[in-house]
Structures are given as structure tokens and as C-alpha cells.
Amino acid sequence: MPIFEYRCRRCGAEFEQLVFSTEGAVACPRCSGSQVDKLLSVFAVSGGGRERGVNEPGPCPCGAPRRGMCGE
């Protein structure tokens, strides 16, 4: 059951939603709009697990050489 990130086309709100199936409709929690765009998450594009060891930390989005060095 993945969690996806969305942006509402109607009000611009960004939100996350747990999606149980690909057929379920997603609605904005702020305005109940049904026109939403699925966003590309940072986790999906970082992909550090294949190039590095699975437990080895990768660079932090803030620019620090390793995750956790900036307090995230």
C-alpha cells in the first residue's frame, strides 16, 4: 500500500494519500477537488539503494554529505 504525493489543480494544495488500489479516486482534502496530479517524490528519484549498500546513508537533500548531518 504505497503513499503517493499529489497536488490539487483547483486549489494548489499538496498532500499525501495512502492508496489501496490503482482504481481508487483521489480527492483533495482541502477543497474536495478530484483533479489532482501525482507528484514525483524525492524518495522515488533518489534511488540510493542500488548504487550503494542498502543500509549506507546517501546525501541529504539539504546538501550535507550524509543524511542526518543537518538534523533531518
PDB file of N, CA and C in Angstrom:
ATOM      1  N   MET A   1       0.839  -1.178   0.000  1.00  0.00           N
ATOM      2  CA  MET A   1       0.000   0.000   0.000  1.00  0.00           C
ATOM      3  C   MET A   1       0.884   1.241   0.000  1.00  0.00           C
ATOM      4  N   PRO A   2       1.166   1.766  -1.150  1.00  0.00           N
ATOM      5  CA  PRO A   2       2.054   2.923  -1.215  1.00  0.00           C
ATOM      6  C   PRO A   2       1.379   4.234  -0.846  1.00  0.00           C
ATOM      7  N   ILE A   3       2.196   5.160  -0.400  1.00  0.00           N
ATOM      8  CA  ILE A   3       1.747   6.520  -0.135  1.00  0.00           C
ATOM      9  C   ILE A   3       2.217   7.371  -1.309  1.00  0.00           C
ATOM     10  N   PHE A   4       1.296   8.073  -1.942  1.00  0.00           N
ATOM     11  CA  PHE A   4       1.612   8.923  -3.076  1.00  0.00           C
ATOM     12  C   PHE A   4       1.445  10.387  -2.690  1.00  0.00           C
ATOM     13  N   GLU A   5       2.188  11.247  -3.358  1.00  0.00           N
ATOM     14  CA  GLU A   5       2.074  12.686  -3.154  1.00  0.00           C
ATOM     15  C   GLU A   5       1.296  13.274  -4.329  1.00  0.00           C
ATOM     16  N   TYR A   6       0.408  14.229  -4.020  1.00  0.00           N
ATOM     17  CA  TYR A   6      -0.449  14.833  -5.039  1.00  0.00           C
ATOM     18  C   TYR A   6      -0.479  16.340  -4.898  1.00  0.00           C
ATOM     19  N   ARG A   7      -0.841  17.033  -5.981  1.00  0.00           N
ATOM     20  CA  ARG A   7      -1.116  18.471  -5.962  1.00  0.00           C
ATOM     21  C   ARG A   7      -2.475  18.685  -6.610  1.00  0.00           C
ATOM     22  N   CYS A   8      -3.334  19.434  -5.946  1.00  0.00           N
ATOM     23  CA  CYS A   8      -4.677  19.721  -6.442  1.00  0.00           C
ATOM     24  C   CYS A   8      -4.597  20.816  -7.505  1.00  0.00           C
ATOM     25  N   ARG A   9      -5.217  20.589  -8.638  1.00  0.00           N
ATOM     26  CA  ARG A   9      -5.247  21.597  -9.711  1.00  0.00           C
ATOM     27  C   ARG A   9      -6.175  22.755  -9.365  1.00  0.00           C
ATOM     28  N   ARG A  10      -7.138  22.505  -8.521  1.00  0.00           N
ATOM     29  CA  ARG A  10      -8.148  23.518  -8.176  1.00  0.00           C
ATOM     30  C   ARG A  10      -7.624  24.540  -7.173  1.00  0.00           C
ATOM     31  N   CYS A  11      -7.035  24.063  -6.054  1.00  0.00           N
ATOM     32  CA  CYS A  11      -6.607  24.995  -5.002  1.00  0.00           C
ATOM     33  C   CYS A  11      -5.093  25.016  -4.788  1.00  0.00           C
ATOM     34  N   GLY A  12      -4.361  24.111  -5.426  1.00  0.00           N
ATOM     35  CA  GLY A  12      -2.911  24.089  -5.310  1.00  0.00           C
ATOM     36  C   GLY A  12      -2.356  23.383  -4.087  1.00  0.00           C
ATOM     37  N   ALA A  13      -3.222  22.800  -3.269  1.00  0.00           N
ATOM     38  CA  ALA A  13      -2.768  22.116  -2.061  1.00  0.00           C
ATOM     39  C   ALA A  13      -1.950  20.879  -2.434  1.00  0.00           C
ATOM     40  N   GLU A  14      -0.881  20.632  -1.678  1.00  0.00           N
ATOM     41  CA  GLU A  14      -0.102  19.419  -1.838  1.00  0.00           C
ATOM     42  C   GLU A  14      -0.392  18.532  -0.643  1.00  0.00           C
ATOM     43  N   PHE A  15      -0.580  17.237  -0.907  1.00  0.00           N
ATOM     44  CA  PHE A  15      -0.924  16.308   0.159  1.00  0.00           C
ATOM     45  C   PHE A  15      -0.460  14.911  -0.193  1.00  0.00           C
ATOM     46  N   GLU A  16      -0.415  14.058   0.820  1.00  0.00           N
ATOM     47  CA  GLU A  16      -0.069  12.650   0.647  1.00  0.00           C
ATOM     48  C   GLU A  16      -1.307  11.822   0.902  1.00  0.00           C
ATOM     49  N   GLN A  17      -1.401  10.690   0.220  1.00  0.00           N
ATOM     50  CA  GLN A  17      -2.545   9.817   0.452  1.00  0.00           C
ATOM     51  C   GLN A  17      -2.120   8.368   0.290  1.00  0.00           C
ATOM     52  N   LEU A  18      -2.561   7.542   1.215  1.00  0.00           N
ATOM     53  CA  LEU A  18      -2.362   6.102   1.148  1.00  0.00           C
ATOM     54  C   LEU A  18      -3.331   5.551   0.117  1.00  0.00           C
ATOM     55  N   VAL A  19      -2.832   4.867  -0.900  1.00  0.00           N
ATOM     56  CA  VAL A  19      -3.675   4.379  -1.984  1.00  0.00           C
ATOM     57  C   VAL A  19      -3.713   2.859  -1.919  1.00  0.00           C
ATOM     58  N   PHE A  20      -4.912   2.319  -1.774  1.00  0.00           N
ATOM     59  CA  PHE A  20      -5.078   0.876  -1.644  1.00  0.00           C
ATOM     60  C   PHE A  20      -5.134   0.168  -2.992  1.00  0.00           C
ATOM     61  N   SER A  21      -5.535   0.840  -4.054  1.00  0.00           N
ATOM     62  CA  SER A  21      -5.563   0.251  -5.391  1.00  0.00           C
ATOM     63  C   SER A  21      -5.404   1.356  -6.421  1.00  0.00           C
ATOM     64  N   THR A  22      -5.062   0.975  -7.650  1.00  0.00           N
ATOM     65  CA  THR A  22      -4.866   1.972  -8.701  1.00  0.00           C
ATOM     66  C   THR A  22      -6.187   2.520  -9.221  1.00  0.00           C
ATOM     67  N   GLU A  23      -7.300   1.889  -8.888  1.00  0.00           N
ATOM     68  CA  GLU A  23      -8.602   2.315  -9.386  1.00  0.00           C
ATOM     69  C   GLU A  23      -9.298   3.328  -8.480  1.00  0.00           C
ATOM     70  N   GLY A  24      -8.794   3.520  -7.276  1.00  0.00           N
ATOM     71  CA  GLY A  24      -9.441   4.425  -6.338  1.00  0.00           C
ATOM     72  C   GLY A  24      -9.267   5.876  -6.737  1.00  0.00           C
ATOM     73  N   ALA A  25     -10.321   6.668  -6.601  1.00  0.00           N
ATOM     74  CA  ALA A  25     -10.267   8.093  -6.924  1.00  0.00           C
ATOM     75  C   ALA A  25      -9.633   8.845  -5.758  1.00  0.00           C
ATOM     76  N   VAL A  26      -8.824   9.836  -6.066  1.00  0.00           N
ATOM     77  CA  VAL A  26      -8.164  10.647  -5.052  1.00  0.00           C
ATOM     78  C   VAL A  26      -8.794  12.032  -5.075  1.00  0.00           C
ATOM     79  N   ALA A  27      -9.155  12.526  -3.894  1.00  0.00           N
ATOM     80  CA  ALA A  27      -9.756  13.855  -3.778  1.00  0.00           C
ATOM     81  C   ALA A  27      -8.920  14.710  -2.836  1.00  0.00           C
ATOM     82  N   CYS A  28      -8.860  15.984  -3.120  1.00  0.00           N
ATOM     83  CA  CYS A  28      -8.123  16.936  -2.299  1.00  0.00           C
ATOM     84  C   CYS A  28      -8.796  17.055  -0.927  1.00  0.00           C
ATOM     85  N   PRO A  29      -8.020  16.951   0.164  1.00  0.00           N
ATOM     86  CA  PRO A  29      -8.616  17.083   1.492  1.00  0.00           C
ATOM     87  C   PRO A  29      -9.043  18.521   1.819  1.00  0.00           C
ATOM     88  N   ARG A  30      -8.500  19.521   1.121  1.00  0.00           N
ATOM     89  CA  ARG A  30      -8.837  20.922   1.405  1.00  0.00           C
ATOM     90  C   ARG A  30     -10.130  21.339   0.704  1.00  0.00           C
ATOM     91  N   CYS A  31     -10.225  21.065  -0.623  1.00  0.00           N
ATOM     92  CA  CYS A  31     -11.377  21.569  -1.376  1.00  0.00           C
ATOM     93  C   CYS A  31     -12.243  20.454  -1.986  1.00  0.00           C
ATOM     94  N   SER A  32     -11.862  19.212  -1.762  1.00  0.00           N
ATOM     95  CA  SER A  32     -12.572  18.034  -2.300  1.00  0.00           C
ATOM     96  C   SER A  32     -12.512  17.948  -3.824  1.00  0.00           C
ATOM     97  N   GLY A  33     -11.598  18.684  -4.449  1.00  0.00           N
ATOM     98  CA  GLY A  33     -11.438  18.620  -5.896  1.00  0.00           C
ATOM     99  C   GLY A  33     -10.906  17.264  -6.332  1.00  0.00           C
ATOM    100  N   SER A  34     -11.364  16.793  -7.483  1.00  0.00           N
ATOM    101  CA  SER A  34     -10.945  15.479  -7.959  1.00  0.00           C
ATOM    102  C   SER A  34      -9.871  15.558  -9.041  1.00  0.00           C
ATOM    103  N   GLN A  35      -9.518  16.768  -9.477  1.00  0.00           N
ATOM    104  CA  GLN A  35      -8.460  16.919 -10.477  1.00  0.00           C
ATOM    105  C   GLN A  35      -7.134  17.143  -9.750  1.00  0.00           C
ATOM    106  N   VAL A  36      -6.388  16.057  -9.585  1.00  0.00           N
ATOM    107  CA  VAL A  36      -5.111  16.108  -8.882  1.00  0.00           C
ATOM    108  C   VAL A  36      -4.018  15.524  -9.767  1.00  0.00           C
ATOM    109  N   ASP A  37      -2.805  16.006  -9.572  1.00  0.00           N
ATOM    110  CA  ASP A  37      -1.645  15.493 -10.282  1.00  0.00           C
ATOM    111  C   ASP A  37      -0.780  14.726  -9.293  1.00  0.00           C
ATOM    112  N   LYS A  38      -0.331  13.540  -9.700  1.00  0.00           N
ATOM    113  CA  LYS A  38       0.584  12.771  -8.866  1.00  0.00           C
ATOM    114  C   LYS A  38       1.970  13.387  -9.022  1.00  0.00           C
ATOM    115  N   LEU A  39       2.618  13.658  -7.892  1.00  0.00           N
ATOM    116  CA  LEU A  39       3.940  14.279  -7.899  1.00  0.00           C
ATOM    117  C   LEU A  39       5.021  13.206  -7.842  1.00  0.00           C
ATOM    118  N   LEU A  40       6.174  13.530  -8.346  1.00  0.00           N
ATOM    119  CA  LEU A  40       7.321  12.649  -8.283  1.00  0.00           C
ATOM    120  C   LEU A  40       7.989  12.875  -6.939  1.00  0.00           C
ATOM    121  N   SER A  41       8.016  11.866  -6.101  1.00  0.00           N
ATOM    122  CA  SER A  41       8.560  12.038  -4.763  1.00  0.00           C
ATOM    123  C   SER A  41      10.078  11.975  -4.779  1.00  0.00           C
ATOM    124  N   VAL A  42      10.710  12.619  -3.808  1.00  0.00           N
ATOM    125  CA  VAL A  42      12.163  12.615  -3.693  1.00  0.00           C
ATOM    126  C   VAL A  42      12.653  11.197  -3.472  1.00  0.00           C
ATOM    127  N   PHE A  43      11.939  10.419  -2.700  1.00  0.00           N
ATOM    128  CA  PHE A  43      12.335   9.035  -2.432  1.00  0.00           C
ATOM    129  C   PHE A  43      12.382   8.234  -3.725  1.00  0.00           C
ATOM    130  N   ALA A  44      11.438   8.445  -4.614  1.00  0.00           N
ATOM    131  CA  ALA A  44      11.372   7.683  -5.856  1.00  0.00           C
ATOM    132  C   ALA A  44      12.532   7.997  -6.783  1.00  0.00           C
ATOM    133  N   VAL A  45      13.028   9.218  -6.773  1.00  0.00           N
ATOM    134  CA  VAL A  45      14.091   9.582  -7.695  1.00  0.00           C
ATOM    135  C   VAL A  45      15.485   9.477  -7.084  1.00  0.00           C
ATOM    136  N   SER A  46      15.602   9.329  -5.765  1.00  0.00           N
ATOM    137  CA  SER A  46      16.932   9.263  -5.165  1.00  0.00           C
ATOM    138  C   SER A  46      17.596   7.934  -5.462  1.00  0.00           C
ATOM    139  N   GLY A  47      16.879   6.819  -5.346  1.00  0.00           N
ATOM    140  CA  GLY A  47      17.359   5.506  -5.728  1.00  0.00           C
ATOM    141  C   GLY A  47      18.706   5.096  -5.183  1.00  0.00           C
ATOM    142  N   GLY A  48      19.115   5.565  -4.017  1.00  0.00           N
ATOM    143  CA  GLY A  48      20.429   5.245  -3.483  1.00  0.00           C
ATOM    144  C   GLY A  48      20.657   3.786  -3.175  1.00  0.00           C
ATOM    145  N   GLY A  49      19.620   2.968  -3.073  1.00  0.00           N
ATOM    146  CA  GLY A  49      19.776   1.580  -2.676  1.00  0.00           C
ATOM    147  C   GLY A  49      20.520   0.710  -3.657  1.00  0.00           C
ATOM    148  N   ARG A  50      20.503   0.992  -4.916  1.00  0.00           N
ATOM    149  CA  ARG A  50      21.160   0.131  -5.902  1.00  0.00           C
ATOM    150  C   ARG A  50      22.646   0.440  -6.060  1.00  0.00           C
ATOM    151  N   GLU A  51      23.022   1.696  -6.036  1.00  0.00           N
ATOM    152  CA  GLU A  51      24.422   2.052  -6.216  1.00  0.00           C
ATOM    153  C   GLU A  51      25.228   1.838  -4.945  1.00  0.00           C
ATOM    154  N   ARG A  52      24.608   2.025  -3.808  1.00  0.00           N
ATOM    155  CA  ARG A  52      25.268   1.895  -2.519  1.00  0.00           C
ATOM    156  C   ARG A  52      24.703   0.675  -1.811  1.00  0.00           C
ATOM    157  N   GLY A  53      25.296   0.371  -0.673  1.00  0.00           N
ATOM    158  CA  GLY A  53      24.732  -0.679   0.158  1.00  0.00           C
ATOM    159  C   GLY A  53      23.373  -0.254   0.675  1.00  0.00           C
ATOM    160  N   VAL A  54      22.507  -1.187   0.974  1.00  0.00           N
ATOM    161  CA  VAL A  54      21.141  -0.872   1.380  1.00  0.00           C
ATOM    162  C   VAL A  54      21.111  -0.041   2.653  1.00  0.00           C
ATOM    163  N   ASN A  55      21.994  -0.307   3.604  1.00  0.00           N
ATOM    164  CA  ASN A  55      21.989   0.419   4.877  1.00  0.00           C
ATOM    165  C   ASN A  55      22.907   1.631   4.877  1.00  0.00           C
ATOM    166  N   GLU A  56      23.599   1.893   3.790  1.00  0.00           N
ATOM    167  CA  GLU A  56      24.505   3.029   3.717  1.00  0.00           C
ATOM    168  C   GLU A  56      23.728   4.304   3.429  1.00  0.00           C
ATOM    169  N   PRO A  57      23.886   5.351   4.251  1.00  0.00           N
ATOM    170  CA  PRO A  57      23.131   6.586   4.016  1.00  0.00           C
ATOM    171  C   PRO A  57      23.620   7.325   2.780  1.00  0.00           C
ATOM    172  N   GLY A  58      22.712   7.977   2.104  1.00  0.00           N
ATOM    173  CA  GLY A  58      23.044   8.759   0.919  1.00  0.00           C
ATOM    174  C   GLY A  58      23.125  10.229   1.259  1.00  0.00           C
ATOM    175  N   PRO A  59      23.373  11.075   0.263  1.00  0.00           N
ATOM    176  CA  PRO A  59      23.446  12.512   0.519  1.00  0.00           C
ATOM    177  C   PRO A  59      22.093  13.070   0.942  1.00  0.00           C
ATOM    178  N   CYS A  60      22.110  14.084   1.764  1.00  0.00           N
ATOM    179  CA  CYS A  60      20.893  14.711   2.262  1.00  0.00           C
ATOM    180  C   CYS A  60      20.395  15.738   1.240  1.00  0.00           C
ATOM    181  N   PRO A  61      19.068  15.914   1.097  1.00  0.00           N
ATOM    182  CA  PRO A  61      18.541  16.923   0.179  1.00  0.00           C
ATOM    183  C   PRO A  61      19.001  18.346   0.492  1.00  0.00           C
ATOM    184  N   CYS A  62      19.435  18.594   1.731  1.00  0.00           N
ATOM    185  CA  CYS A  62      19.876  19.943   2.104  1.00  0.00           C
ATOM    186  C   CYS A  62      21.275  20.251   1.591  1.00  0.00           C
ATOM    187  N   GLY A  63      22.000  19.231   1.117  1.00  0.00           N
ATOM    188  CA  GLY A  63      23.352  19.430   0.622  1.00  0.00           C
ATOM    189  C   GLY A  63      24.423  18.845   1.520  1.00  0.00           C
ATOM    190  N   ALA A  64      24.045  18.390   2.722  1.00  0.00           N
ATOM    191  CA  ALA A  64      25.023  17.753   3.610  1.00  0.00           C
ATOM    192  C   ALA A  64      25.490  16.439   2.980  1.00  0.00           C
ATOM    193  N   PRO A  65      26.722  16.013   3.247  1.00  0.00           N
ATOM    194  CA  PRO A  65      27.234  14.806   2.612  1.00  0.00           C
ATOM    195  C   PRO A  65      26.481  13.533   2.990  1.00  0.00           C
ATOM    196  N   ARG A  66      25.866  13.509   4.173  1.00  0.00           N
ATOM    197  CA  ARG A  66      25.100  12.327   4.579  1.00  0.00           C
ATOM    198  C   ARG A  66      23.821  12.746   5.275  1.00  0.00           C
ATOM    199  N   ARG A  67      22.814  11.907   5.157  1.00  0.00           N
ATOM    200  CA  ARG A  67      21.542  12.162   5.844  1.00  0.00           C
ATOM    201  C   ARG A  67      21.780  12.179   7.344  1.00  0.00           C
ATOM    202  N   GLY A  68      21.074  13.035   8.036  1.00  0.00           N
ATOM    203  CA  GLY A  68      21.170  13.141   9.485  1.00  0.00           C
ATOM    204  C   GLY A  68      22.173  14.174   9.964  1.00  0.00           C
ATOM    205  N   MET A  69      23.045  14.649   9.072  1.00  0.00           N
ATOM    206  CA  MET A  69      24.048  15.629   9.484  1.00  0.00           C
ATOM    207  C   MET A  69      23.429  17.020   9.687  1.00  0.00           C
ATOM    208  N   CYS A  70      22.272  17.274   9.080  1.00  0.00           N
ATOM    209  CA  CYS A  70      21.639  18.594   9.212  1.00  0.00           C
ATOM    210  C   CYS A  70      20.455  18.545  10.165  1.00  0.00           C
ATOM    211  N   GLY A  71      20.160  17.388  10.709  1.00  0.00           N
ATOM    212  CA  GLY A  71      19.050  17.257  11.642  1.00  0.00           C
ATOM    213  C   GLY A  71      17.774  16.754  11.034  1.00  0.00           C
ATOM    214  N   GLU A  72      17.766  16.426   9.736  1.00  0.00           N
ATOM    215  CA  GLU A  72      16.545  15.879   9.102  1.00  0.00           C
ATOM    216  C   GLU A  72      16.393  14.433   9.486  1.00  0.00           C
TER     217      GLU A  72
END
